[in-house]
């Protein structure tokens, strides 16, 4: 009887929910693997992120929806990518030029200090390449 109930619930579960649960589980497993590799506890991670241990526990138990900003902070602290996005398109500043982000960061003429996208996008670049 229990198997038929589980089967019925699974059949009624929307594909979006199934995919979310799968991806969230994979993400949490990856975070735990990285914590183990570094010899860190959830408490250590909380201290590095200036968060409470209970908040980290909520992140890793699925009680809190992780934002892209939170995932990025986790990637920076853990030193590993958590999200893999295939690079299939070029990063285009406008239709006539493509700027390589590493060039933009190293070019002293292009402000990258939060001065705003409009400050540096109007600058011309001798480099036409794609983001690697």
Protein backbone atom coordinates (compact mmCIF):
# COMPACT_ATOMS: atom_id res chain seq x y z
CA UNK A 1 0.00 0.00 0.00
CA UNK A 2 2.81 2.42 0.86
CA UNK A 3 4.44 1.90 -2.54
CA UNK A 4 1.23 2.68 -4.40
CA UNK A 5 0.76 5.89 -2.40
CA UNK A 6 4.36 6.94 -3.09
CA UNK A 7 3.91 6.15 -6.77
CA UNK A 8 0.70 8.19 -6.89
CA UNK A 9 2.36 11.18 -5.20
CA UNK A 10 5.30 10.98 -7.60
CA UNK A 11 2.99 10.82 -10.61
CA UNK A 12 1.14 13.91 -9.38
CA UNK A 13 4.33 15.88 -8.71
CA UNK A 14 4.96 18.51 -11.41
CA UNK A 15 8.13 18.06 -13.47
CA UNK A 16 9.35 21.48 -12.33
CA UNK A 17 9.18 20.37 -8.70
CA UNK A 18 10.98 17.10 -9.47
CA UNK A 19 13.75 18.97 -11.26
CA UNK A 20 14.05 21.52 -8.43
CA UNK A 21 14.39 18.80 -5.79
CA UNK A 22 16.95 16.96 -7.91
CA UNK A 23 19.08 20.07 -8.57
CA UNK A 24 18.85 21.29 -4.96
CA UNK A 25 19.94 17.87 -3.72
CA UNK A 26 22.89 17.84 -6.13
CA UNK A 27 23.88 21.35 -5.05
CA UNK A 28 23.76 20.53 -1.33
CA UNK A 29 25.71 17.32 -1.89
CA UNK A 30 28.41 19.32 -3.75
CA UNK A 31 28.60 21.87 -0.93
CA UNK A 32 28.97 19.09 1.67
CA UNK A 33 31.71 17.47 -0.46
CA UNK A 34 33.60 20.78 -0.64
CA UNK A 35 33.22 21.35 3.10
CA UNK A 36 34.59 17.86 3.74
CA UNK A 37 37.53 18.41 1.34
CA UNK A 38 38.44 21.61 3.20
CA UNK A 39 37.87 20.08 6.63
CA UNK A 40 35.25 22.73 7.39
CA UNK A 41 32.04 22.43 9.34
CA UNK A 42 28.82 24.32 8.66
CA UNK A 43 29.84 26.54 11.57
CA UNK A 44 33.16 27.35 9.83
CA UNK A 45 31.31 28.24 6.63
CA UNK A 46 28.90 30.41 8.59
CA UNK A 47 31.80 32.35 10.12
CA UNK A 48 33.44 32.87 6.71
CA UNK A 49 30.17 34.16 5.25
CA UNK A 50 29.34 36.23 8.36
CA UNK A 51 26.09 34.28 8.76
CA UNK A 52 24.61 32.40 11.67
CA UNK A 53 25.06 28.62 11.73
CA UNK A 54 21.27 28.27 11.75
CA UNK A 55 21.03 30.20 8.46
CA UNK A 56 23.60 27.89 6.84
CA UNK A 57 21.62 24.94 8.17
CA UNK A 58 18.48 26.34 6.50
CA UNK A 59 20.37 26.76 3.20
CA UNK A 60 21.59 23.17 3.28
CA UNK A 61 18.31 21.63 4.42
CA UNK A 62 16.18 23.23 1.72
CA UNK A 63 14.32 25.54 4.11
CA UNK A 64 15.63 28.61 2.31
CA UNK A 65 15.67 29.34 -1.41
CA UNK A 66 19.23 30.15 -2.43
CA UNK A 67 19.64 33.23 -4.59
CA UNK A 68 22.22 33.60 -7.33
CA UNK A 69 24.04 36.12 -5.10
CA UNK A 70 24.16 33.58 -2.24
CA UNK A 71 25.39 30.86 -4.59
CA UNK A 72 28.09 33.20 -5.86
CA UNK A 73 29.22 33.98 -2.29
CA UNK A 74 29.38 30.25 -1.61
CA UNK A 75 31.45 29.70 -4.76
CA UNK A 76 33.90 32.42 -3.72
CA UNK A 77 34.34 31.09 -0.18
CA UNK A 78 34.53 27.45 -1.25
CA UNK A 79 36.83 28.27 -4.17
CA UNK A 80 34.83 26.14 -6.60
CA UNK A 81 32.03 26.64 -9.11
CA UNK A 82 28.67 25.33 -7.97
CA UNK A 83 26.83 26.22 -11.17
CA UNK A 84 28.13 25.21 -14.58
CA UNK A 85 26.86 27.22 -17.54
CA UNK A 86 28.03 26.18 -21.01
CA UNK A 87 29.63 29.05 -22.89
CA UNK A 88 27.74 29.13 -26.16
CA UNK A 89 27.49 32.86 -26.81
CA UNK A 90 29.82 35.81 -26.85
CA UNK A 91 29.48 38.59 -24.30
CA UNK A 92 28.57 41.59 -26.44
CA UNK A 93 28.79 45.17 -25.29
CA UNK A 94 27.05 46.39 -28.43
CA UNK A 95 26.45 45.12 -31.93
CA UNK A 96 29.82 46.34 -33.31
CA UNK A 97 32.30 45.16 -30.72
CA UNK A 98 32.87 42.30 -28.35
CA UNK A 99 34.94 42.99 -25.25
CA UNK A 100 36.95 40.39 -23.39
CA UNK A 101 36.21 40.76 -19.68
CA UNK A 102 39.82 40.12 -18.63
CA UNK A 103 40.94 42.97 -20.90
CA UNK A 104 38.31 45.24 -19.38
CA UNK A 105 39.48 44.45 -15.86
CA UNK A 106 43.14 45.07 -16.66
CA UNK A 107 42.64 48.25 -18.71
CA UNK A 108 43.19 51.26 -16.45
CA UNK A 109 41.10 53.46 -18.75
CA UNK A 110 37.95 51.46 -18.08
CA UNK A 111 36.51 51.97 -14.58
CA UNK A 112 35.52 48.68 -12.96
CA UNK A 113 34.97 50.07 -9.47
CA UNK A 114 31.21 50.14 -9.58
CA UNK A 115 31.30 53.41 -11.52
CA UNK A 116 28.59 51.93 -13.65
CA UNK A 117 28.14 50.01 -16.83
CA UNK A 118 27.53 53.20 -18.80
CA UNK A 119 30.98 54.57 -17.84
CA UNK A 120 32.98 51.78 -19.43
CA UNK A 121 30.69 50.53 -22.17
CA UNK A 122 31.25 53.67 -24.23
CA UNK A 123 35.02 53.18 -24.14
CA UNK A 124 36.52 51.73 -27.30
CA UNK A 125 38.52 48.56 -27.17
CA UNK A 126 41.20 47.46 -29.62
CA UNK A 127 40.39 43.87 -28.67
CA UNK A 128 37.66 41.91 -30.40
CA UNK A 129 37.38 38.50 -28.81
CA UNK A 130 34.91 36.32 -27.03
CA UNK A 131 34.73 35.51 -23.37
CA UNK A 132 36.66 32.29 -22.88
